[in-house]
PDB file of N, CA and C in Angstrom:
ATOM      1  N   UNK A   1       0.433  16.864 -11.873  1.00  0.00           N
ATOM      2  CA  UNK A   1       0.243  17.527 -10.642  1.00  0.00           C
ATOM      3  C   UNK A   1       0.485  17.022  -9.119  1.00  0.00           C
ATOM      4  N   UNK A   2       1.026  17.518  -8.420  1.00  0.00           N
ATOM      5  CA  UNK A   2       1.311  16.749  -7.140  1.00  0.00           C
ATOM      6  C   UNK A   2      -0.013  17.344  -6.167  1.00  0.00           C
ATOM      7  N   UNK A   3      -0.902  17.807  -6.568  1.00  0.00           N
ATOM      8  CA  UNK A   3      -2.200  18.304  -5.633  1.00  0.00           C
ATOM      9  C   UNK A   3      -3.270  17.664  -6.658  1.00  0.00           C
ATOM     10  N   UNK A   4      -4.422  17.630  -5.920  1.00  0.00           N
ATOM     11  CA  UNK A   4      -5.871  17.070  -6.706  1.00  0.00           C
ATOM     12  C   UNK A   4      -6.407  18.439  -6.657  1.00  0.00           C
ATOM     13  N   UNK A   5      -6.862  19.393  -7.006  1.00  0.00           N
ATOM     14  CA  UNK A   5      -7.385  20.198  -6.721  1.00  0.00           C
ATOM     15  C   UNK A   5      -9.309  19.855  -6.554  1.00  0.00           C
ATOM     16  N   UNK A   6      -9.410  18.716  -6.975  1.00  0.00           N
ATOM     17  CA  UNK A   6     -10.907  18.447  -6.787  1.00  0.00           C
ATOM     18  C   UNK A   6     -11.017  18.064  -5.552  1.00  0.00           C
ATOM     19  N   UNK A   7      -9.962  17.665  -4.671  1.00  0.00           N
ATOM     20  CA  UNK A   7     -10.129  17.298  -3.263  1.00  0.00           C
ATOM     21  C   UNK A   7     -10.908  18.247  -2.469  1.00  0.00           C
ATOM     22  N   UNK A   8     -10.673  19.601  -3.049  1.00  0.00           N
ATOM     23  CA  UNK A   8     -11.742  20.898  -2.477  1.00  0.00           C
ATOM     24  C   UNK A   8     -12.844  21.007  -2.881  1.00  0.00           C
ATOM     25  N   UNK A   9     -13.367  20.018  -3.449  1.00  0.00           N
ATOM     26  CA  UNK A   9     -14.645  20.386  -4.024  1.00  0.00           C
ATOM     27  C   UNK A   9     -15.708  20.340  -3.135  1.00  0.00           C
ATOM     28  N   UNK A  10     -15.772  19.225  -2.005  1.00  0.00           N
ATOM     29  CA  UNK A  10     -16.512  19.248  -1.028  1.00  0.00           C
ATOM     30  C   UNK A  10     -16.692  20.820  -0.251  1.00  0.00           C
ATOM     31  N   UNK A  11     -15.706  21.235  -0.208  1.00  0.00           N
ATOM     32  CA  UNK A  11     -15.666  22.566   0.726  1.00  0.00           C
ATOM     33  C   UNK A  11     -16.663  23.772  -0.413  1.00  0.00           C
ATOM     34  N   UNK A  12     -16.772  23.519  -1.730  1.00  0.00           N
ATOM     35  CA  UNK A  12     -17.241  24.158  -2.469  1.00  0.00           C
ATOM     36  C   UNK A  12     -19.027  24.115  -2.360  1.00  0.00           C
ATOM     37  N   UNK A  13     -19.050  22.895  -2.160  1.00  0.00           N
ATOM     38  CA  UNK A  13     -20.222  22.348  -2.305  1.00  0.00           C
ATOM     39  C   UNK A  13     -21.137  22.620  -0.850  1.00  0.00           C
ATOM     40  N   UNK A  14     -20.371  22.742   0.045  1.00  0.00           N
ATOM     41  CA  UNK A  14     -20.830  23.212   1.619  1.00  0.00           C
ATOM     42  C   UNK A  14     -21.043  24.623   1.779  1.00  0.00           C
ATOM     43  N   UNK A  15     -19.931  25.262   1.389  1.00  0.00           N
ATOM     44  CA  UNK A  15     -19.756  26.846   1.754  1.00  0.00           C
ATOM     45  C   UNK A  15     -19.929  27.767   0.381  1.00  0.00           C
ATOM     46  N   UNK A  16     -20.203  27.185  -0.407  1.00  0.00           N
ATOM     47  CA  UNK A  16     -20.673  28.061  -1.677  1.00  0.00           C
ATOM     48  C   UNK A  16     -19.686  29.026  -1.632  1.00  0.00           C
ATOM     49  N   UNK A  17     -20.302  30.253  -1.780  1.00  0.00           N
ATOM     50  CA  UNK A  17     -19.465  31.565  -2.452  1.00  0.00           C
ATOM     51  C   UNK A  17     -17.989  31.850  -1.247  1.00  0.00           C
ATOM     52  N   UNK A  18     -18.467  31.142  -0.049  1.00  0.00           N
ATOM     53  CA  UNK A  18     -17.124  31.773   1.043  1.00  0.00           C
ATOM     54  C   UNK A  18     -15.787  30.294   0.920  1.00  0.00           C
ATOM     55  N   UNK A  19     -16.056  29.726  -0.222  1.00  0.00           N
ATOM     56  CA  UNK A  19     -15.264  28.673  -0.375  1.00  0.00           C
ATOM     57  C   UNK A  19     -13.965  29.030  -0.590  1.00  0.00           C
ATOM     58  N   UNK A  20     -13.798  29.745  -1.567  1.00  0.00           N
ATOM     59  CA  UNK A  20     -12.581  30.108  -2.001  1.00  0.00           C
ATOM     60  C   UNK A  20     -11.859  30.977  -0.702  1.00  0.00           C
ATOM     61  N   UNK A  21     -12.241  31.961  -0.073  1.00  0.00           N
ATOM     62  CA  UNK A  21     -11.644  32.513   1.328  1.00  0.00           C
ATOM     63  C   UNK A  21     -11.182  31.244   2.297  1.00  0.00           C
ATOM     64  N   UNK A  22     -12.343  30.341   2.410  1.00  0.00           N
ATOM     65  CA  UNK A  22     -11.790  29.211   3.423  1.00  0.00           C
ATOM     66  C   UNK A  22     -10.612  28.460   2.927  1.00  0.00           C
ATOM     67  N   UNK A  23     -10.632  28.152   1.445  1.00  0.00           N
ATOM     68  CA  UNK A  23      -9.571  27.356   0.872  1.00  0.00           C
ATOM     69  C   UNK A  23      -8.295  28.273   0.809  1.00  0.00           C
ATOM     70  N   UNK A  24      -8.108  29.421   1.039  1.00  0.00           N
ATOM     71  CA  UNK A  24      -7.164  30.256   0.869  1.00  0.00           C
ATOM     72  C   UNK A  24      -6.566  30.363   2.356  1.00  0.00           C
ATOM     73  N   UNK A  25      -7.658  30.087   3.371  1.00  0.00           N
ATOM     74  CA  UNK A  25      -7.145  30.238   4.834  1.00  0.00           C
ATOM     75  C   UNK A  25      -6.424  28.783   4.958  1.00  0.00           C
ATOM     76  N   UNK A  26      -7.003  27.455   4.615  1.00  0.00           N
ATOM     77  CA  UNK A  26      -6.476  26.098   4.305  1.00  0.00           C
ATOM     78  C   UNK A  26      -5.086  26.520   4.103  1.00  0.00           C
ATOM     79  N   UNK A  27      -4.909  26.901   2.608  1.00  0.00           N
ATOM     80  CA  UNK A  27      -3.543  26.856   2.009  1.00  0.00           C
ATOM     81  C   UNK A  27      -2.531  27.810   2.956  1.00  0.00           C
ATOM     82  N   UNK A  28      -3.036  28.745   3.485  1.00  0.00           N
ATOM     83  CA  UNK A  28      -2.276  29.842   4.159  1.00  0.00           C
ATOM     84  C   UNK A  28      -1.864  28.883   5.507  1.00  0.00           C
ATOM     85  N   UNK A  29      -2.464  28.317   6.423  1.00  0.00           N
ATOM     86  CA  UNK A  29      -2.223  27.388   7.257  1.00  0.00           C
ATOM     87  C   UNK A  29      -1.120  26.364   7.015  1.00  0.00           C
ATOM     88  N   UNK A  30      -1.405  25.550   5.851  1.00  0.00           N
ATOM     89  CA  UNK A  30      -0.366  24.685   5.425  1.00  0.00           C
ATOM     90  C   UNK A  30       0.716  25.244   5.282  1.00  0.00           C
ATOM     91  N   UNK A  31       0.774  26.106   4.435  1.00  0.00           N
ATOM     92  CA  UNK A  31       2.319  26.695   4.156  1.00  0.00           C
ATOM     93  C   UNK A  31       3.016  27.604   5.000  1.00  0.00           C
ATOM     94  N   UNK A  32       2.409  27.861   6.199  1.00  0.00           N
ATOM     95  CA  UNK A  32       2.901  28.474   7.518  1.00  0.00           C
ATOM     96  C   UNK A  32       3.067  27.686   8.123  1.00  0.00           C
ATOM     97  N   UNK A  33       2.750  26.287   8.573  1.00  0.00           N
ATOM     98  CA  UNK A  33       2.982  25.323   9.509  1.00  0.00           C
ATOM     99  C   UNK A  33       3.700  24.007   9.143  1.00  0.00           C
ATOM    100  N   UNK A  34       3.521  23.856   8.091  1.00  0.00           N
ATOM    101  CA  UNK A  34       3.955  22.486   7.760  1.00  0.00           C
ATOM    102  C   UNK A  34       5.499  22.379   7.303  1.00  0.00           C
ATOM    103  N   UNK A  35       6.087  22.995   7.293  1.00  0.00           N
ATOM    104  CA  UNK A  35       7.369  23.193   7.198  1.00  0.00           C
ATOM    105  C   UNK A  35       8.050  22.815   8.503  1.00  0.00           C
ATOM    106  N   UNK A  36       7.174  23.340   9.883  1.00  0.00           N
ATOM    107  CA  UNK A  36       7.633  22.707  11.019  1.00  0.00           C
ATOM    108  C   UNK A  36       7.687  21.196  11.244  1.00  0.00           C
ATOM    109  N   UNK A  37       6.955  20.653  10.502  1.00  0.00           N
ATOM    110  CA  UNK A  37       6.568  19.030  10.384  1.00  0.00           C
ATOM    111  C   UNK A  37       7.612  18.566   9.816  1.00  0.00           C
ATOM    112  N   UNK A  38       8.160  19.014   8.474  1.00  0.00           N
ATOM    113  CA  UNK A  38       9.059  18.609   7.952  1.00  0.00           C
ATOM    114  C   UNK A  38      10.650  18.748   8.532  1.00  0.00           C
ATOM    115  N   UNK A  39      10.748  19.647   9.274  1.00  0.00           N
ATOM    116  CA  UNK A  39      11.971  20.187  10.033  1.00  0.00           C
ATOM    117  C   UNK A  39      12.032  18.971  11.252  1.00  0.00           C
ATOM    118  N   UNK A  40      10.872  18.788  11.911  1.00  0.00           N
ATOM    119  CA  UNK A  40      10.886  17.891  12.990  1.00  0.00           C
ATOM    120  C   UNK A  40      10.929  16.533  12.597  1.00  0.00           C
ATOM    121  N   UNK A  41      10.702  15.948  11.211  1.00  0.00           N
ATOM    122  CA  UNK A  41      10.948  14.712  10.888  1.00  0.00           C
ATOM    123  C   UNK A  41      12.694  14.703  10.761  1.00  0.00           C
ATOM    124  N   UNK A  42      13.335  15.583  10.287  1.00  0.00           N
ATOM    125  CA  UNK A  42      14.910  15.571  10.355  1.00  0.00           C
ATOM    126  C   UNK A  42      15.439  15.664  11.587  1.00  0.00           C
ATOM    127  N   UNK A  43      14.562  16.220  12.311  1.00  0.00           N
ATOM    128  CA  UNK A  43      15.374  16.381  13.937  1.00  0.00           C
ATOM    129  C   UNK A  43      15.343  15.222  14.814  1.00  0.00           C
ATOM    130  N   UNK A  44      13.769  14.807  14.819  1.00  0.00           N
ATOM    131  CA  UNK A  44      13.494  13.648  15.181  1.00  0.00           C
ATOM    132  C   UNK A  44      14.241  12.425  14.948  1.00  0.00           C
ATOM    133  N   UNK A  45      14.646  12.480  13.435  1.00  0.00           N
ATOM    134  CA  UNK A  45      15.276  11.243  13.055  1.00  0.00           C
ATOM    135  C   UNK A  45      16.591  11.452  13.509  1.00  0.00           C
ATOM    136  N   UNK A  46      17.196  12.391  13.470  1.00  0.00           N
ATOM    137  CA  UNK A  46      19.016  12.416  14.309  1.00  0.00           C
ATOM    138  C   UNK A  46      18.718  12.700  15.723  1.00  0.00           C
ATOM    139  N   UNK A  47      17.666  12.435  16.174  1.00  0.00           N
ATOM    140  CA  UNK A  47      17.599  12.361  17.688  1.00  0.00           C
ATOM    141  C   UNK A  47      17.063  11.268  18.143  1.00  0.00           C
ATOM    142  N   UNK A  48      17.020  10.152  17.208  1.00  0.00           N
ATOM    143  CA  UNK A  48      16.086   8.845  17.306  1.00  0.00           C
ATOM    144  C   UNK A  48      14.902   8.936  18.287  1.00  0.00           C
ATOM    145  N   UNK A  49      14.024  10.068  17.897  1.00  0.00           N
ATOM    146  CA  UNK A  49      13.080  10.076  18.831  1.00  0.00           C
ATOM    147  C   UNK A  49      11.748   9.864  17.827  1.00  0.00           C
ATOM    148  N   UNK A  50      11.079   8.660  18.315  1.00  0.00           N
ATOM    149  CA  UNK A  50      10.273   7.936  17.161  1.00  0.00           C
ATOM    150  C   UNK A  50       8.796   8.575  17.532  1.00  0.00           C
ATOM    151  N   UNK A  51       8.763   8.849  18.813  1.00  0.00           N
ATOM    152  CA  UNK A  51       7.460   9.532  19.071  1.00  0.00           C
ATOM    153  C   UNK A  51       7.139  10.906  18.291  1.00  0.00           C
ATOM    154  N   UNK A  52       7.959  11.752  18.475  1.00  0.00           N
ATOM    155  CA  UNK A  52       7.844  13.111  17.728  1.00  0.00           C
ATOM    156  C   UNK A  52       7.834  12.924  16.242  1.00  0.00           C
ATOM    157  N   UNK A  53       8.579  11.951  15.688  1.00  0.00           N
ATOM    158  CA  UNK A  53       8.871  11.505  14.015  1.00  0.00           C
ATOM    159  C   UNK A  53       7.400  10.953  13.803  1.00  0.00           C
ATOM    160  N   UNK A  54       6.971  10.250  14.513  1.00  0.00           N
ATOM    161  CA  UNK A  54       5.536   9.364  14.196  1.00  0.00           C
ATOM    162  C   UNK A  54       4.413  10.512  14.221  1.00  0.00           C
ATOM    163  N   UNK A  55       4.786  11.617  15.065  1.00  0.00           N
ATOM    164  CA  UNK A  55       3.650  12.825  15.178  1.00  0.00           C
ATOM    165  C   UNK A  55       3.529  13.247  13.950  1.00  0.00           C
ATOM    166  N   UNK A  56       4.977  14.282  13.884  1.00  0.00           N
ATOM    167  CA  UNK A  56       5.209  14.599  12.712  1.00  0.00           C
ATOM    168  C   UNK A  56       4.607  14.145  11.458  1.00  0.00           C
ATOM    169  N   UNK A  57       5.095  12.932  10.957  1.00  0.00           N
ATOM    170  CA  UNK A  57       4.576  12.305   9.965  1.00  0.00           C
ATOM    171  C   UNK A  57       3.208  12.095   9.910  1.00  0.00           C
ATOM    172  N   UNK A  58       2.346  11.870  10.740  1.00  0.00           N
ATOM    173  CA  UNK A  58       0.822  11.710  10.693  1.00  0.00           C
ATOM    174  C   UNK A  58       0.308  13.007  10.637  1.00  0.00           C
ATOM    175  N   UNK A  59       0.664  14.117  11.046  1.00  0.00           N
ATOM    176  CA  UNK A  59       0.248  15.547  11.170  1.00  0.00           C
ATOM    177  C   UNK A  59       0.341  15.996   9.482  1.00  0.00           C
ATOM    178  N   UNK A  60       1.770  16.004   9.308  1.00  0.00           N
ATOM    179  CA  UNK A  60       1.870  16.166   7.443  1.00  0.00           C
ATOM    180  C   UNK A  60       0.763  15.495   6.474  1.00  0.00           C
ATOM    181  N   UNK A  61       0.889  13.764   7.026  1.00  0.00           N
ATOM    182  CA  UNK A  61      -0.023  13.160   6.012  1.00  0.00           C
ATOM    183  C   UNK A  61      -1.474  13.686   6.010  1.00  0.00           C
ATOM    184  N   UNK A  62      -1.966  13.732   7.198  1.00  0.00           N
ATOM    185  CA  UNK A  62      -3.537  14.449   7.303  1.00  0.00           C
ATOM    186  C   UNK A  62      -3.654  15.562   6.490  1.00  0.00           C
ATOM    187  N   UNK A  63      -2.751  16.646   6.795  1.00  0.00           N
ATOM    188  CA  UNK A  63      -3.027  17.892   6.472  1.00  0.00           C
ATOM    189  C   UNK A  63      -2.696  17.950   4.891  1.00  0.00           C
ATOM    190  N   UNK A  64      -1.764  17.200   4.355  1.00  0.00           N
ATOM    191  CA  UNK A  64      -1.664  16.948   2.841  1.00  0.00           C
ATOM    192  C   UNK A  64      -2.560  16.395   2.366  1.00  0.00           C
ATOM    193  N   UNK A  65      -3.008  15.474   3.011  1.00  0.00           N
ATOM    194  CA  UNK A  65      -4.073  14.457   2.221  1.00  0.00           C
ATOM    195  C   UNK A  65      -5.519  15.679   2.045  1.00  0.00           C
ATOM    196  N   UNK A  66      -5.874  16.777   2.674  1.00  0.00           N
ATOM    197  CA  UNK A  66      -6.665  17.788   2.775  1.00  0.00           C
ATOM    198  C   UNK A  66      -6.778  18.113   1.166  1.00  0.00           C
ATOM    199  N   UNK A  67      -5.520  18.239   0.673  1.00  0.00           N
ATOM    200  CA  UNK A  67      -5.450  18.832  -0.512  1.00  0.00           C
ATOM    201  C   UNK A  67      -5.310  18.080  -1.661  1.00  0.00           C
ATOM    202  N   UNK A  68      -5.181  16.890  -1.466  1.00  0.00           N
ATOM    203  CA  UNK A  68      -5.252  15.651  -2.686  1.00  0.00           C
ATOM    204  C   UNK A  68      -3.608  15.603  -2.713  1.00  0.00           C
ATOM    205  N   UNK A  69      -3.063  15.934  -2.085  1.00  0.00           N
ATOM    206  CA  UNK A  69      -1.413  15.569  -2.465  1.00  0.00           C
ATOM    207  C   UNK A  69      -1.180  14.200  -1.992  1.00  0.00           C
ATOM    208  N   UNK A  70      -1.483  13.252  -2.790  1.00  0.00           N
ATOM    209  CA  UNK A  70      -1.709  11.783  -2.382  1.00  0.00           C
ATOM    210  C   UNK A  70      -0.027  11.214  -2.475  1.00  0.00           C
ATOM    211  N   UNK A  71       1.009  11.826  -3.115  1.00  0.00           N
ATOM    212  CA  UNK A  71       2.172  11.232  -2.960  1.00  0.00           C
ATOM    213  C   UNK A  71       2.767  11.616  -1.904  1.00  0.00           C
ATOM    214  N   UNK A  72       2.655  13.037  -1.272  1.00  0.00           N
ATOM    215  CA  UNK A  72       3.329  13.280  -0.114  1.00  0.00           C
ATOM    216  C   UNK A  72       2.382  12.311   0.980  1.00  0.00           C
ATOM    217  N   UNK A  73       1.393  12.638   0.869  1.00  0.00           N
ATOM    218  CA  UNK A  73       0.611  11.835   1.933  1.00  0.00           C
ATOM    219  C   UNK A  73       0.797  10.548   2.332  1.00  0.00           C
ATOM    220  N   UNK A  74       1.033   9.362   1.069  1.00  0.00           N
ATOM    221  CA  UNK A  74       1.797   8.441   0.816  1.00  0.00           C
ATOM    222  C   UNK A  74       2.930   8.370   1.809  1.00  0.00           C
ATOM    223  N   UNK A  75       3.999   9.230   1.331  1.00  0.00           N
ATOM    224  CA  UNK A  75       5.310   9.390   1.953  1.00  0.00           C
ATOM    225  C   UNK A  75       5.439   9.267   3.416  1.00  0.00           C
ATOM    226  N   UNK A  76       4.121  10.121   3.810  1.00  0.00           N
ATOM    227  CA  UNK A  76       4.143  10.475   5.490  1.00  0.00           C
ATOM    228  C   UNK A  76       3.448   9.016   6.022  1.00  0.00           C
ATOM    229  N   UNK A  77       2.669   8.600   5.201  1.00  0.00           N
ATOM    230  CA  UNK A  77       2.055   7.111   5.932  1.00  0.00           C
ATOM    231  C   UNK A  77       3.412   6.316   5.846  1.00  0.00           C
ATOM    232  N   UNK A  78       3.970   6.062   4.957  1.00  0.00           N
ATOM    233  CA  UNK A  78       5.302   4.970   5.309  1.00  0.00           C
ATOM    234  C   UNK A  78       6.138   5.743   6.278  1.00  0.00           C
ATOM    235  N   UNK A  79       6.616   6.758   6.555  1.00  0.00           N
ATOM    236  CA  UNK A  79       7.292   7.038   7.636  1.00  0.00           C
ATOM    237  C   UNK A  79       6.631   7.055   8.846  1.00  0.00           C
ATOM    238  N   UNK A  80       5.265   7.419   8.951  1.00  0.00           N
ATOM    239  CA  UNK A  80       4.464   7.312  10.373  1.00  0.00           C
ATOM    240  C   UNK A  80       4.641   5.612  10.579  1.00  0.00           C
ATOM    241  N   UNK A  81       4.384   4.863   9.684  1.00  0.00           N
ATOM    242  CA  UNK A  81       4.045   3.554   9.833  1.00  0.00           C
ATOM    243  C   UNK A  81       5.712   2.943  10.446  1.00  0.00           C
ATOM    244  N   UNK A  82       6.403   3.323   9.889  1.00  0.00           N
ATOM    245  CA  UNK A  82       8.024   2.885  10.390  1.00  0.00           C
ATOM    246  C   UNK A  82       8.213   3.810  11.857  1.00  0.00           C
ATOM    247  N   UNK A  83       7.701   4.814  12.116  1.00  0.00           N
ATOM    248  CA  UNK A  83       7.862   5.549  13.404  1.00  0.00           C
ATOM    249  C   UNK A  83       6.916   4.549  14.869  1.00  0.00           C
ATOM    250  N   UNK A  84       5.827   4.294  14.152  1.00  0.00           N
ATOM    251  CA  UNK A  84       5.080   3.528  15.030  1.00  0.00           C
ATOM    252  C   UNK A  84       6.069   2.200  15.480  1.00  0.00           C
ATOM    253  N   UNK A  85       6.608   1.490  14.468  1.00  0.00           N
ATOM    254  CA  UNK A  85       7.645   0.464  14.785  1.00  0.00           C
ATOM    255  C   UNK A  85       8.773   1.098  15.394  1.00  0.00           C
ATOM    256  N   UNK A  86       9.147   2.135  15.650  1.00  0.00           N
ATOM    257  CA  UNK A  86      10.294   2.439  16.553  1.00  0.00           C
ATOM    258  C   UNK A  86      11.729   2.483  15.782  1.00  0.00           C
ATOM    259  N   UNK A  87      11.289   1.924  14.657  1.00  0.00           N
ATOM    260  CA  UNK A  87      12.660   1.776  13.624  1.00  0.00           C
ATOM    261  C   UNK A  87      12.959   2.695  12.692  1.00  0.00           C
ATOM    262  N   UNK A  88      13.859   3.812  12.915  1.00  0.00           N
ATOM    263  CA  UNK A  88      14.098   4.809  12.369  1.00  0.00           C
ATOM    264  C   UNK A  88      15.416   4.755  11.368  1.00  0.00           C
ATOM    265  N   UNK A  89      15.972   3.746  11.285  1.00  0.00           N
ATOM    266  CA  UNK A  89      17.413   3.525  10.943  1.00  0.00           C
ATOM    267  C   UNK A  89      17.010   3.431   9.100  1.00  0.00           C
ATOM    268  N   UNK A  90      17.513   4.132   8.334  1.00  0.00           N
ATOM    269  CA  UNK A  90      17.785   4.173   7.021  1.00  0.00           C
ATOM    270  C   UNK A  90      16.687   4.990   6.142  1.00  0.00           C
ATOM    271  N   UNK A  91      16.034   5.836   7.055  1.00  0.00           N
ATOM    272  CA  UNK A  91      14.679   6.689   6.559  1.00  0.00           C
ATOM    273  C   UNK A  91      15.489   7.750   6.085  1.00  0.00           C
ATOM    274  N   UNK A  92      16.509   8.536   6.126  1.00  0.00           N
ATOM    275  CA  UNK A  92      16.943   9.614   5.613  1.00  0.00           C
ATOM    276  C   UNK A  92      16.769   9.584   4.040  1.00  0.00           C
ATOM    277  N   UNK A  93      16.714   8.618   3.152  1.00  0.00           N
ATOM    278  CA  UNK A  93      16.533   8.984   2.025  1.00  0.00           C
ATOM    279  C   UNK A  93      15.267   8.868   1.673  1.00  0.00           C
ATOM    280  N   UNK A  94      14.212   8.181   2.439  1.00  0.00           N
ATOM    281  CA  UNK A  94      12.639   8.640   2.175  1.00  0.00           C
ATOM    282  C   UNK A  94      12.177   9.919   2.639  1.00  0.00           C
ATOM    283  N   UNK A  95      12.994  10.446   3.792  1.00  0.00           N
ATOM    284  CA  UNK A  95      12.816  11.841   4.338  1.00  0.00           C
ATOM    285  C   UNK A  95      13.057  12.734   2.930  1.00  0.00           C
ATOM    286  N   UNK A  96      14.295  12.587   2.671  1.00  0.00           N
ATOM    287  CA  UNK A  96      15.021  13.651   1.336  1.00  0.00           C
ATOM    288  C   UNK A  96      13.740  13.409   0.256  1.00  0.00           C
ATOM    289  N   UNK A  97      13.038  12.242  -0.073  1.00  0.00           N
ATOM    290  CA  UNK A  97      12.309  12.222  -1.299  1.00  0.00           C
ATOM    291  C   UNK A  97      10.975  12.979  -0.835  1.00  0.00           C
ATOM    292  N   UNK A  98      10.693  12.862   0.390  1.00  0.00           N
ATOM    293  CA  UNK A  98       9.555  13.686   0.986  1.00  0.00           C
ATOM    294  C   UNK A  98       9.580  15.195   1.056  1.00  0.00           C
ATOM    295  N   UNK A  99      10.746  15.593   1.054  1.00  0.00           N
ATOM    296  CA  UNK A  99      11.173  16.773   1.338  1.00  0.00           C
ATOM    297  C   UNK A  99      10.998  17.531  -0.316  1.00  0.00           C
ATOM    298  N   UNK A 100      11.518  16.784  -1.098  1.00  0.00           N
ATOM    299  CA  UNK A 100      11.277  16.980  -2.429  1.00  0.00           C
ATOM    300  C   UNK A 100       9.705  17.359  -2.954  1.00  0.00           C
ATOM    301  N   UNK A 101       9.111  16.370  -2.444  1.00  0.00           N
ATOM    302  CA  UNK A 101       7.384  16.311  -3.007  1.00  0.00           C
ATOM    303  C   UNK A 101       6.911  17.364  -2.190  1.00  0.00           C
ATOM    304  N   UNK A 102       7.640  17.681  -0.799  1.00  0.00           N
ATOM    305  CA  UNK A 102       7.041  18.847  -0.011  1.00  0.00           C
ATOM    306  C   UNK A 102       6.940  19.921  -0.844  1.00  0.00           C
ATOM    307  N   UNK A 103       8.183  20.240  -1.303  1.00  0.00           N
ATOM    308  CA  UNK A 103       8.447  21.586  -2.049  1.00  0.00           C
ATOM    309  C   UNK A 103       7.445  21.774  -3.536  1.00  0.00           C
ATOM    310  N   UNK A 104       7.542  20.640  -4.161  1.00  0.00           N
ATOM    311  CA  UNK A 104       6.408  20.612  -5.015  1.00  0.00           C
ATOM    312  C   UNK A 104       4.778  20.984  -5.006  1.00  0.00           C
ATOM    313  N   UNK A 105       4.625  20.242  -3.660  1.00  0.00           N
ATOM    314  CA  UNK A 105       3.286  20.578  -3.240  1.00  0.00           C
ATOM    315  C   UNK A 105       2.998  22.167  -2.702  1.00  0.00           C
ATOM    316  N   UNK A 106       4.235  22.713  -2.026  1.00  0.00           N
ATOM    317  CA  UNK A 106       3.769  24.299  -1.685  1.00  0.00           C
ATOM    318  C   UNK A 106       4.034  25.077  -2.756  1.00  0.00           C
ATOM    319  N   UNK A 107       4.616  24.787  -3.977  1.00  0.00           N
ATOM    320  CA  UNK A 107       4.491  25.740  -5.060  1.00  0.00           C
ATOM    321  C   UNK A 107       3.184  25.494  -5.688  1.00  0.00           C
ATOM    322  N   UNK A 108       2.522  24.570  -5.881  1.00  0.00           N
ATOM    323  CA  UNK A 108       1.287  24.159  -6.542  1.00  0.00           C
ATOM    324  C   UNK A 108       0.078  24.682  -5.585  1.00  0.00           C
ATOM    325  N   UNK A 109       0.424  24.582  -4.439  1.00  0.00           N
ATOM    326  CA  UNK A 109      -0.485  25.125  -3.392  1.00  0.00           C
ATOM    327  C   UNK A 109      -0.548  26.631  -3.538  1.00  0.00           C
ATOM    328  N   UNK A 110       0.715  27.254  -3.582  1.00  0.00           N
ATOM    329  CA  UNK A 110       0.842  28.937  -3.967  1.00  0.00           C
ATOM    330  C   UNK A 110       0.365  29.212  -4.958  1.00  0.00           C
ATOM    331  N   UNK A 111       0.548  28.900  -5.861  1.00  0.00           N
ATOM    332  CA  UNK A 111      -0.225  28.993  -7.287  1.00  0.00           C
ATOM    333  C   UNK A 111      -1.796  29.147  -7.131  1.00  0.00           C
ATOM    334  N   UNK A 112      -2.286  27.917  -6.569  1.00  0.00           N
ATOM    335  CA  UNK A 112      -3.550  27.522  -6.323  1.00  0.00           C
ATOM    336  C   UNK A 112      -4.165  28.927  -5.651  1.00  0.00           C
ATOM    337  N   UNK A 113      -3.380  29.303  -4.590  1.00  0.00           N
ATOM    338  CA  UNK A 113      -3.781  30.357  -3.658  1.00  0.00           C
ATOM    339  C   UNK A 113      -4.125  31.620  -4.434  1.00  0.00           C
ATOM    340  N   UNK A 114      -2.878  31.828  -5.573  1.00  0.00           N
ATOM    341  CA  UNK A 114      -3.078  33.238  -6.245  1.00  0.00           C
ATOM    342  C   UNK A 114      -4.172  33.109  -7.184  1.00  0.00           C
ATOM    343  N   UNK A 115      -4.337  31.879  -7.971  1.00  0.00           N
ATOM    344  CA  UNK A 115      -5.668  31.880  -8.306  1.00  0.00           C
ATOM    345  C   UNK A 115      -7.126  32.049  -7.877  1.00  0.00           C
ATOM    346  N   UNK A 116      -6.902  31.945  -6.670  1.00  0.00           N
ATOM    347  CA  UNK A 116      -8.279  32.072  -5.864  1.00  0.00           C
ATOM    348  C   UNK A 116      -8.239  33.590  -5.301  1.00  0.00           C
ATOM    349  N   UNK A 117      -7.158  34.321  -5.107  1.00  0.00           N
ATOM    350  CA  UNK A 117      -7.456  35.505  -4.882  1.00  0.00           C
ATOM    351  C   UNK A 117      -7.497  36.685  -5.806  1.00  0.00           C
ATOM    352  N   UNK A 118      -7.007  35.914  -7.066  1.00  0.00           N
ATOM    353  CA  UNK A 118      -6.698  37.024  -8.217  1.00  0.00           C
ATOM    354  C   UNK A 118      -8.156  37.343  -8.765  1.00  0.00           C
TER     355      UNK A 118
END
């Protein structure tokens, strides 16, 4: 699995019966906005915009970590670090790898969401 559902256990501990609805809301937000961050990585790479690149990688890193998407979060960290250094050359393969992992994470989150609303 690309996500670790146990990463969401602290919400269950704190929110009790309302945890499922909250997690569904988190998933909906991620699925509804994270594609913009992935697109921004491609666009900012093409435009050599290290600032936007770094911000997008950072945002996606933080948001994916909430779900225990450690591989995706790790890839984002690598890209964020490269962006902070201002050197975006040669990062296309890493973004392509990120995109594939992102798609897996989205499928798994959609399945988790479905299990919570059923």
